[in-house]
Structure formats: structure tokens, C-alpha cells
């Protein structure tokens, strides 16, 4: 089977926010207050695939989305879209945000909001053709043509997110960024929106970056998954491979911390330790302060990128037996005594 072409290529991309030191700190030669929000991230997204990005709050997921979208510029590294460096030649790209209400203008009718990308990109000529396209998009996301004459405040949260999806598709994007698109919605509504997005992925062959902290959601939506921790991409693998055989301790702990719907196991396993500040991450491996397998080498040197036999990647000095993590061992013991 022919390999799909690369759409988006990130090569060692970093983003540093420079903080301001007080006069006394500068005179004393105190440490910099710079925050490295994204650190040397390399990632490839191919045509027609959805890559998920997961991690705790503050790990750099949304910053990476803003870098890809061109809203902010990287401090170092390069971002290429179809082999053309960004932001010099911006692609036709759209974002779907977490809060659908705040991303819509309450003074605009829905038809006008959806028509705006069509007009800006000159995708249709004439008012009738533009309105016909708006009606088509409304129907595509499960709304009616009459909804175009209403305002955002007349809709529920799920309906507003459908409107935002229609508006994103109106620009006929080559690439779609979804930043926590269902986290502000009720559980039942989340299922509707996720089913809609899956149908659109299949029918329109969309290429997208799906950002979320919800592991069950990303397992449904993504072809490949990247795991971020304190600004670094610590693991990347095909979706099922990552869940069945995670290679990084942090990935294993994230999966184990997710609520288990198995009624026979009601235990929860939060990730040990506190998340360090991105302004002063641990030396060596950034996960060393929370890792149950930490050794002296981990505290002294940053781990290299290691490739897996199935084309994935993880950052670790070792290949620890993740089945020996305390929470996993506890589950096995409970199963044996049941």
C-alpha cells in the first residue's frame, strides 16, 4: 500500500515565553524566569489521518496547536505544511475550539458566521451560491436551513458546537485542529458530536490534530497518539499499540489513572507526585521526579528518543517492565485473589 503524503511536519519545534526579572534578581544574577512551553517537538501528520495529542493540563498541547495554526511563532525549529515553511505560506486551516459559545459572535446570525470563511476565501460567487453552501453545511452537521436565521444564544451547547464544525468546514480546510472540542459538553452530547466528527472524518477524508485530555475520546478518534509531558513529546505510537503496549512510564500512568468503567474494579490510581513548574523543570528526564523507575542517570541526563519495532517513539533511558508498576501489580493481585 502506498504511503500517504506528509501534510504537516514539525521539526524540533520549541516555544519559550520570556518572563521579566525584578531589578534585584538581575543584580544578583538570579535564574531566568523563562518558561519553555514546548520543547523540541518533532511530529509528522499524514494525509487523511487524525493524530491525537494527550497529556495533563499545562503540558503544552494547546501551545502546540497555536504554533501549528500560526497564531504564535516558534522560538526555534520549523513547521512545514506540504513542504512549505510556515508562516510564510499559510495553509487553508481551521480550528474548532473548546467553548463553542465564546467562539461565536452573538450579534451575527448563524448563516453569516458560516458564510464568512466562504466569502473570505472566495469559494463561491454570488449571494445565492453562498447561501446554498451554508444550507448544505447546516444539513451536513445535523441542523436545518432555518437555523441559519437564528443567533448563537438560541442554541444548546451541542448545537453550537455543530455550528462551529460547519463554520470550520465552510473554509474547505486542508487541515483541521480540534482543541478539546467536547470537554465543555454534557456526556450525552459529547457522544453525538464525536459520532458526527467520526462520520465527517470518514466521508471527507479529513486530516486533523485532535487535542484532548480524555483518553477514551482520543482512543475513538485518533489513528496515532502523541503523549506530552512538560512541553516534551515523550511517546508516540499507533492508537491501539499505545493502549495495549505503552513504552513510557508516564503513558502507562495516564492510562491507569483514567476512570475504569469495569464495575468489578472501582479503584482509582492518580499519578504520583506533583506536576513540576514548566519554568523550572527537573534536570535530566523531565519525568524523573514522578517516575517509579527513576535512576541516577535519569536525574543527570535527558533521555534520547528511542524507536520501537512498530514505528513508534518514546523518550526513556531504559525499557522498564511497566507491568511491575505498583497500580498494575495491585490489580493483578486483586484478580488472583478474586
Protein backbone atom coordinates (compact mmCIF):
# COMPACT_ATOMS: atom_id res chain seq x y z
CA UNK A 1 0.00 0.00 0.00
CA UNK A 2 1.32 3.41 -0.97
CA UNK A 3 2.23 5.61 1.97
CA UNK A 4 0.07 8.73 2.36
CA UNK A 5 1.92 12.01 1.76
CA UNK A 6 3.06 14.12 4.68
CA UNK A 7 0.80 17.12 5.27
CA UNK A 8 2.32 18.65 8.39
CA UNK A 9 5.92 18.21 9.58
CA UNK A 10 7.18 19.66 12.85
CA UNK A 11 10.96 19.50 13.28
CA UNK A 12 12.39 20.19 16.77
CA UNK A 13 9.83 22.92 17.46
CA UNK A 14 10.20 24.89 20.69
CA UNK A 15 8.33 27.82 22.22
CA UNK A 16 9.86 29.83 25.07
CA UNK A 17 7.97 32.57 26.89
CA UNK A 18 10.41 35.07 28.35
CA UNK A 19 9.49 36.25 31.84
CA UNK A 20 10.55 39.51 33.44
CA UNK A 21 13.06 39.51 36.29
CA UNK A 22 12.95 42.10 39.02
CA UNK A 23 15.86 44.53 39.45
CA UNK A 24 17.26 42.69 42.49
CA UNK A 25 17.14 39.34 40.64
CA UNK A 26 19.04 40.83 37.71
CA UNK A 27 21.67 42.39 40.01
CA UNK A 28 22.13 39.10 41.84
CA UNK A 29 22.34 37.16 38.60
CA UNK A 30 19.36 35.06 39.55
CA UNK A 31 17.95 32.32 37.31
CA UNK A 32 15.93 33.21 34.26
CA UNK A 33 12.14 33.13 34.60
CA UNK A 34 11.73 31.83 31.05
CA UNK A 35 9.05 29.18 30.53
CA UNK A 36 9.70 26.52 27.90
CA UNK A 37 6.10 25.68 26.98
CA UNK A 38 7.07 23.40 24.07
CA UNK A 39 10.46 21.74 23.85
CA UNK A 40 11.97 20.17 20.70
CA UNK A 41 8.78 18.53 19.43
CA UNK A 42 9.01 16.59 16.16
CA UNK A 43 5.82 15.21 14.66
CA UNK A 44 4.52 14.16 11.25
CA UNK A 45 0.84 14.11 10.27
CA UNK A 46 -0.05 12.39 7.01
CA UNK A 47 -2.91 12.99 4.62
CA UNK A 48 -6.23 11.59 5.82
CA UNK A 49 -5.17 10.69 9.35
CA UNK A 50 -6.10 12.05 12.76
CA UNK A 51 -3.30 12.42 15.27
CA UNK A 52 -4.33 12.75 18.91
CA UNK A 53 -2.36 14.74 21.46
CA UNK A 54 -2.86 13.94 25.16
CA UNK A 55 -1.37 14.96 28.48
CA UNK A 56 -2.15 16.76 31.71
CA UNK A 57 -3.22 20.40 31.80
CA UNK A 58 -0.22 22.65 31.24
CA UNK A 59 1.77 20.09 29.23
CA UNK A 60 1.89 22.27 26.11
CA UNK A 61 -0.89 20.74 23.97
CA UNK A 62 -2.75 23.98 23.29
CA UNK A 63 0.50 25.91 22.76
CA UNK A 64 1.45 23.38 20.10
CA UNK A 65 -1.97 23.88 18.46
CA UNK A 66 -1.39 27.64 18.35
CA UNK A 67 2.03 27.10 16.81
CA UNK A 68 0.59 24.85 14.09
CA UNK A 69 -2.22 27.32 13.39
CA UNK A 70 0.19 30.23 13.07
CA UNK A 71 -1.35 32.17 15.96
CA UNK A 72 2.10 32.27 17.58
CA UNK A 73 5.59 31.74 16.16
CA UNK A 74 8.05 29.10 17.36
CA UNK A 75 11.19 30.22 19.18
CA UNK A 76 13.16 27.58 17.30
CA UNK A 77 12.58 24.68 14.94
CA UNK A 78 10.47 24.58 11.80
CA UNK A 79 6.87 23.84 10.82
CA UNK A 80 6.21 22.79 7.23
CA UNK A 81 2.84 22.35 5.55
CA UNK A 82 3.04 20.36 2.32
CA UNK A 83 6.82 21.01 2.31
CA UNK A 84 6.32 24.79 2.54
CA UNK A 85 7.61 26.52 5.67
CA UNK A 86 5.08 28.30 7.86
CA UNK A 87 4.03 31.02 8.39
CA UNK A 88 5.28 32.32 5.03
CA UNK A 89 2.60 30.47 3.05
CA UNK A 90 -0.34 29.82 5.39
CA UNK A 91 -2.41 26.73 4.56
CA UNK A 92 -6.18 26.59 4.45
CA UNK A 93 -6.54 25.62 8.09
CA UNK A 94 -9.40 25.83 10.56
CA UNK A 95 -9.74 25.36 14.33
CA UNK A 96 -12.62 24.07 16.45
CA UNK A 97 -12.35 25.39 19.98
CA UNK A 98 -13.32 24.08 23.41
CA UNK A 99 -16.07 26.60 24.15
CA UNK A 100 -18.43 26.96 21.17
CA UNK A 101 -20.33 29.92 22.65
CA UNK A 102 -17.29 32.18 23.13
CA UNK A 103 -16.05 31.36 19.62
CA UNK A 104 -19.26 32.66 18.02
CA UNK A 105 -20.27 36.31 17.67
CA UNK A 106 -23.58 36.77 19.48
CA UNK A 107 -24.53 39.62 17.14
CA UNK A 108 -24.19 37.59 13.97
CA UNK A 109 -26.79 35.26 12.58
CA UNK A 110 -25.58 31.71 12.13
CA UNK A 111 -25.80 31.95 8.33
CA UNK A 112 -23.48 34.98 8.38
CA UNK A 113 -20.97 33.26 10.67
CA UNK A 114 -20.77 30.19 8.44
CA UNK A 115 -20.65 32.30 5.27
CA UNK A 116 -17.66 34.36 6.43
CA UNK A 117 -14.93 31.79 5.51
CA UNK A 118 -16.65 31.21 2.15
CA UNK A 119 -16.54 34.93 1.39
CA UNK A 120 -13.00 35.49 2.71
CA UNK A 121 -11.54 32.61 0.67
CA UNK A 122 -13.76 33.40 -2.35
CA UNK A 123 -15.03 29.82 -2.52
CA UNK A 124 -18.43 30.70 -4.03
CA UNK A 125 -19.65 33.60 -6.18
CA UNK A 126 -22.94 35.33 -5.65
CA UNK A 127 -25.23 35.56 -2.64
CA UNK A 128 -27.43 32.66 -3.75
CA UNK A 129 -24.49 30.27 -4.18
CA UNK A 130 -23.04 31.26 -0.81
CA UNK A 131 -26.37 30.71 0.96
CA UNK A 132 -26.84 27.36 -0.78
CA UNK A 133 -23.43 26.26 0.56
CA UNK A 134 -24.37 27.48 4.07
CA UNK A 135 -27.60 25.44 3.96
CA UNK A 136 -25.66 22.40 2.74
CA UNK A 137 -23.23 22.67 5.67
CA UNK A 138 -26.03 23.12 8.21
CA UNK A 139 -27.67 19.95 6.94
CA UNK A 140 -24.32 18.15 6.97
CA UNK A 141 -23.91 18.72 10.73
CA UNK A 142 -27.50 17.79 11.58
CA UNK A 143 -29.14 21.22 11.63
CA UNK A 144 -31.72 22.77 9.33
CA UNK A 145 -31.54 25.62 6.83
CA UNK A 146 -33.93 27.63 9.02
CA UNK A 147 -31.34 27.58 11.82
CA UNK A 148 -29.24 29.94 9.75
CA UNK A 149 -31.60 32.82 10.65
CA UNK A 150 -31.09 32.34 14.39
CA UNK A 151 -28.44 33.67 16.80
CA UNK A 152 -25.94 31.61 18.87
CA UNK A 153 -27.79 32.21 22.15
CA UNK A 154 -30.83 30.39 20.76
CA UNK A 155 -28.99 27.05 20.65
CA UNK A 156 -27.79 24.46 23.15
CA UNK A 157 -24.09 23.75 23.69
CA UNK A 158 -24.11 20.73 21.41
CA UNK A 159 -25.90 22.63 18.66
CA UNK A 160 -23.40 25.48 18.93
CA UNK A 161 -20.54 23.04 18.50
CA UNK A 162 -22.26 21.67 15.39
CA UNK A 163 -22.39 25.26 14.11
CA UNK A 164 -18.67 25.70 14.82
CA UNK A 165 -17.94 22.49 12.92
CA UNK A 166 -20.00 23.76 9.97
CA UNK A 167 -18.14 27.08 10.05
CA UNK A 168 -14.78 25.28 10.09
CA UNK A 169 -15.78 23.11 7.12
CA UNK A 170 -17.04 26.19 5.25
CA UNK A 171 -13.44 27.20 4.58
CA UNK A 172 -12.83 23.82 2.88
CA UNK A 173 -9.76 23.30 5.06
CA UNK A 174 -6.87 21.05 4.17
CA UNK A 175 -6.15 20.63 7.85
CA UNK A 176 -8.33 20.79 10.96
CA UNK A 177 -7.25 21.47 14.56
CA UNK A 178 -9.68 20.35 17.26
CA UNK A 179 -8.73 21.75 20.68
CA UNK A 180 -10.77 19.93 23.36
CA UNK A 181 -13.91 20.11 21.17
CA UNK A 182 -16.18 18.14 23.54
CA UNK A 183 -14.86 18.88 27.05
CA UNK A 184 -17.40 21.68 27.67
CA UNK A 185 -20.37 19.49 26.67
CA UNK A 186 -22.61 17.06 28.55
CA UNK A 187 -21.68 13.39 28.22
CA UNK A 188 -24.67 12.52 26.01
CA UNK A 189 -23.96 15.50 23.76
CA UNK A 190 -20.27 14.56 23.59
CA UNK A 191 -21.26 11.22 22.07
CA UNK A 192 -23.33 12.95 19.38
CA UNK A 193 -20.52 15.35 18.45
CA UNK A 194 -17.91 12.58 18.41
CA UNK A 195 -20.08 10.44 16.15
CA UNK A 196 -20.54 13.45 13.86
CA UNK A 197 -16.79 14.09 13.74
CA UNK A 198 -16.06 10.42 13.01
CA UNK A 199 -18.56 10.42 10.14
CA UNK A 200 -17.03 13.60 8.73
CA UNK A 201 -13.52 12.13 9.02
CA UNK A 202 -14.60 9.09 7.04
CA UNK A 203 -16.72 10.84 4.42
CA UNK A 204 -14.49 13.88 3.81
CA UNK A 205 -11.10 12.19 4.38
CA UNK A 206 -10.12 14.94 6.81
CA UNK A 207 -6.59 15.42 8.13
CA UNK A 208 -6.63 16.66 11.70
CA UNK A 209 -4.87 17.21 15.02
CA UNK A 210 -7.16 16.23 17.90
CA UNK A 211 -6.17 17.64 21.29
CA UNK A 212 -7.74 16.31 24.46
CA UNK A 213 -7.02 15.12 28.00
CA UNK A 214 -9.74 12.44 27.69
CA UNK A 215 -8.14 9.09 26.87
CA UNK A 216 -11.36 7.23 25.95
CA UNK A 217 -12.19 10.02 23.49
CA UNK A 218 -8.80 10.02 21.80
CA UNK A 219 -8.90 6.22 21.54
CA UNK A 220 -12.09 6.53 19.50
CA UNK A 221 -10.97 9.43 17.33
CA UNK A 222 -7.24 9.06 16.58
CA UNK A 223 -5.16 6.91 14.26
CA UNK A 224 -1.94 7.79 16.10
CA UNK A 225 -1.39 9.38 19.51
CA UNK A 226 1.33 11.62 20.89
CA UNK A 227 1.78 11.95 24.66
CA UNK A 228 3.13 15.25 26.03
CA UNK A 229 4.70 15.96 29.40
CA UNK A 230 6.07 19.35 30.46
CA UNK A 231 6.36 20.52 26.86
CA UNK A 232 8.03 17.37 25.51
CA UNK A 233 6.61 14.64 23.31
CA UNK A 234 7.52 11.61 25.44
CA UNK A 235 5.79 8.91 23.39
CA UNK A 236 4.14 8.45 20.00
CA UNK A 237 2.51 5.31 18.62
CA UNK A 238 -0.42 3.94 16.68
CA UNK A 239 -3.60 4.22 18.75
CA UNK A 240 -4.16 0.60 19.77
CA UNK A 241 -0.44 -0.07 20.16
CA UNK A 242 -0.19 2.78 22.65
CA UNK A 243 -3.06 1.47 24.78
CA UNK A 244 -2.05 -2.21 24.58
CA UNK A 245 1.72 -1.77 24.90
CA UNK A 246 2.74 1.68 26.23
CA UNK A 247 6.51 2.12 26.43
CA UNK A 248 6.87 5.23 28.62
CA UNK A 249 6.02 5.12 32.35
CA UNK A 250 4.03 8.36 32.08
CA UNK A 251 1.83 6.90 29.34
CA UNK A 252 1.18 3.82 31.46
CA UNK A 253 0.26 6.03 34.44
CA UNK A 254 -2.08 8.19 32.32
CA UNK A 255 -3.92 5.10 31.09
CA UNK A 256 -4.10 3.65 34.59
CA UNK A 257 -5.37 6.94 36.05
CA UNK A 258 -8.34 7.07 33.65
CA UNK A 259 -11.61 6.05 35.34
CA UNK A 260 -12.33 2.37 34.68
CA UNK A 261 -15.88 1.50 33.67
CA UNK A 262 -15.39 -2.06 34.94
CA UNK A 263 -17.78 -2.34 37.93
CA UNK A 264 -15.55 -5.04 39.46
CA UNK A 265 -12.69 -2.55 39.81
CA UNK A 266 -13.75 0.75 41.38
CA UNK A 267 -10.24 1.77 42.40
CA UNK A 268 -8.61 4.92 41.05
CA UNK A 269 -4.87 5.34 40.54
CA UNK A 270 -3.87 9.03 40.42
CA UNK A 271 -0.43 9.86 39.10
CA UNK A 272 2.03 10.13 41.98
CA UNK A 273 3.73 13.41 42.83
CA UNK A 274 3.08 16.98 41.77
CA UNK A 275 3.47 18.34 38.26
CA UNK A 276 6.65 20.50 38.25
CA UNK A 277 6.57 24.07 37.02
CA UNK A 278 7.45 24.41 33.31
CA UNK A 279 9.56 27.41 34.34
CA UNK A 280 11.87 25.12 36.36
CA UNK A 281 11.55 21.53 35.11
CA UNK A 282 13.69 18.76 36.64
CA UNK A 283 17.16 18.29 35.21
CA UNK A 284 17.74 15.25 33.07
CA UNK A 285 14.47 13.46 32.35
CA UNK A 286 11.55 15.78 32.95
CA UNK A 287 9.50 12.90 34.37
CA UNK A 288 12.21 11.87 36.85
CA UNK A 289 10.51 13.50 39.86
CA UNK A 290 7.42 11.28 39.44
CA UNK A 291 8.74 8.12 37.80
CA UNK A 292 8.67 4.89 39.87
CA UNK A 293 11.65 3.54 37.89
CA UNK A 294 13.92 6.58 38.28
CA UNK A 295 17.71 6.02 38.49
CA UNK A 296 20.65 8.39 38.91
CA UNK A 297 21.15 8.58 35.13
CA UNK A 298 17.59 9.88 34.73
CA UNK A 299 18.29 12.83 37.05
CA UNK A 300 21.53 13.70 35.27
CA UNK A 301 20.87 13.32 31.53
CA UNK A 302 17.91 13.91 29.24
CA UNK A 303 16.79 10.61 27.69
CA UNK A 304 17.22 10.03 23.94
CA UNK A 305 14.42 9.30 21.51
CA UNK A 306 14.08 5.56 21.01
CA UNK A 307 12.26 3.98 18.07
CA UNK A 308 10.02 0.96 18.54
CA UNK A 309 9.73 -2.03 16.25
CA UNK A 310 6.31 -0.79 15.08
CA UNK A 311 7.43 2.71 14.14
CA UNK A 312 6.60 4.48 17.39
CA UNK A 313 8.87 6.58 19.61
CA UNK A 314 9.45 7.05 23.34
CA UNK A 315 11.90 9.02 25.47
CA UNK A 316 13.44 6.85 28.18
CA UNK A 317 16.94 5.71 29.13
CA UNK A 318 15.62 2.22 29.82
CA UNK A 319 12.84 -0.14 28.81
CA UNK A 320 11.24 -0.77 32.21
CA UNK A 321 8.74 -3.55 32.75
CA UNK A 322 5.62 -1.42 33.11
CA UNK A 323 3.61 -4.39 34.40
CA UNK A 324 5.60 -4.04 37.62
CA UNK A 325 4.26 -0.57 38.37
CA UNK A 326 2.51 -0.60 41.78
CA UNK A 327 -1.02 0.08 40.47
CA UNK A 328 -0.73 -2.63 37.79
CA UNK A 329 0.67 -5.15 40.25
CA UNK A 330 -2.15 -4.36 42.70
CA UNK A 331 -4.74 -5.08 40.01
CA UNK A 332 -3.11 -8.40 39.15
CA UNK A 333 -3.04 -9.40 42.81
CA UNK A 334 -6.69 -8.50 43.27
CA UNK A 335 -7.62 -10.57 40.21
CA UNK A 336 -5.75 -13.59 41.54
CA UNK A 337 -7.50 -13.42 44.92
CA UNK A 338 -10.96 -12.86 43.44
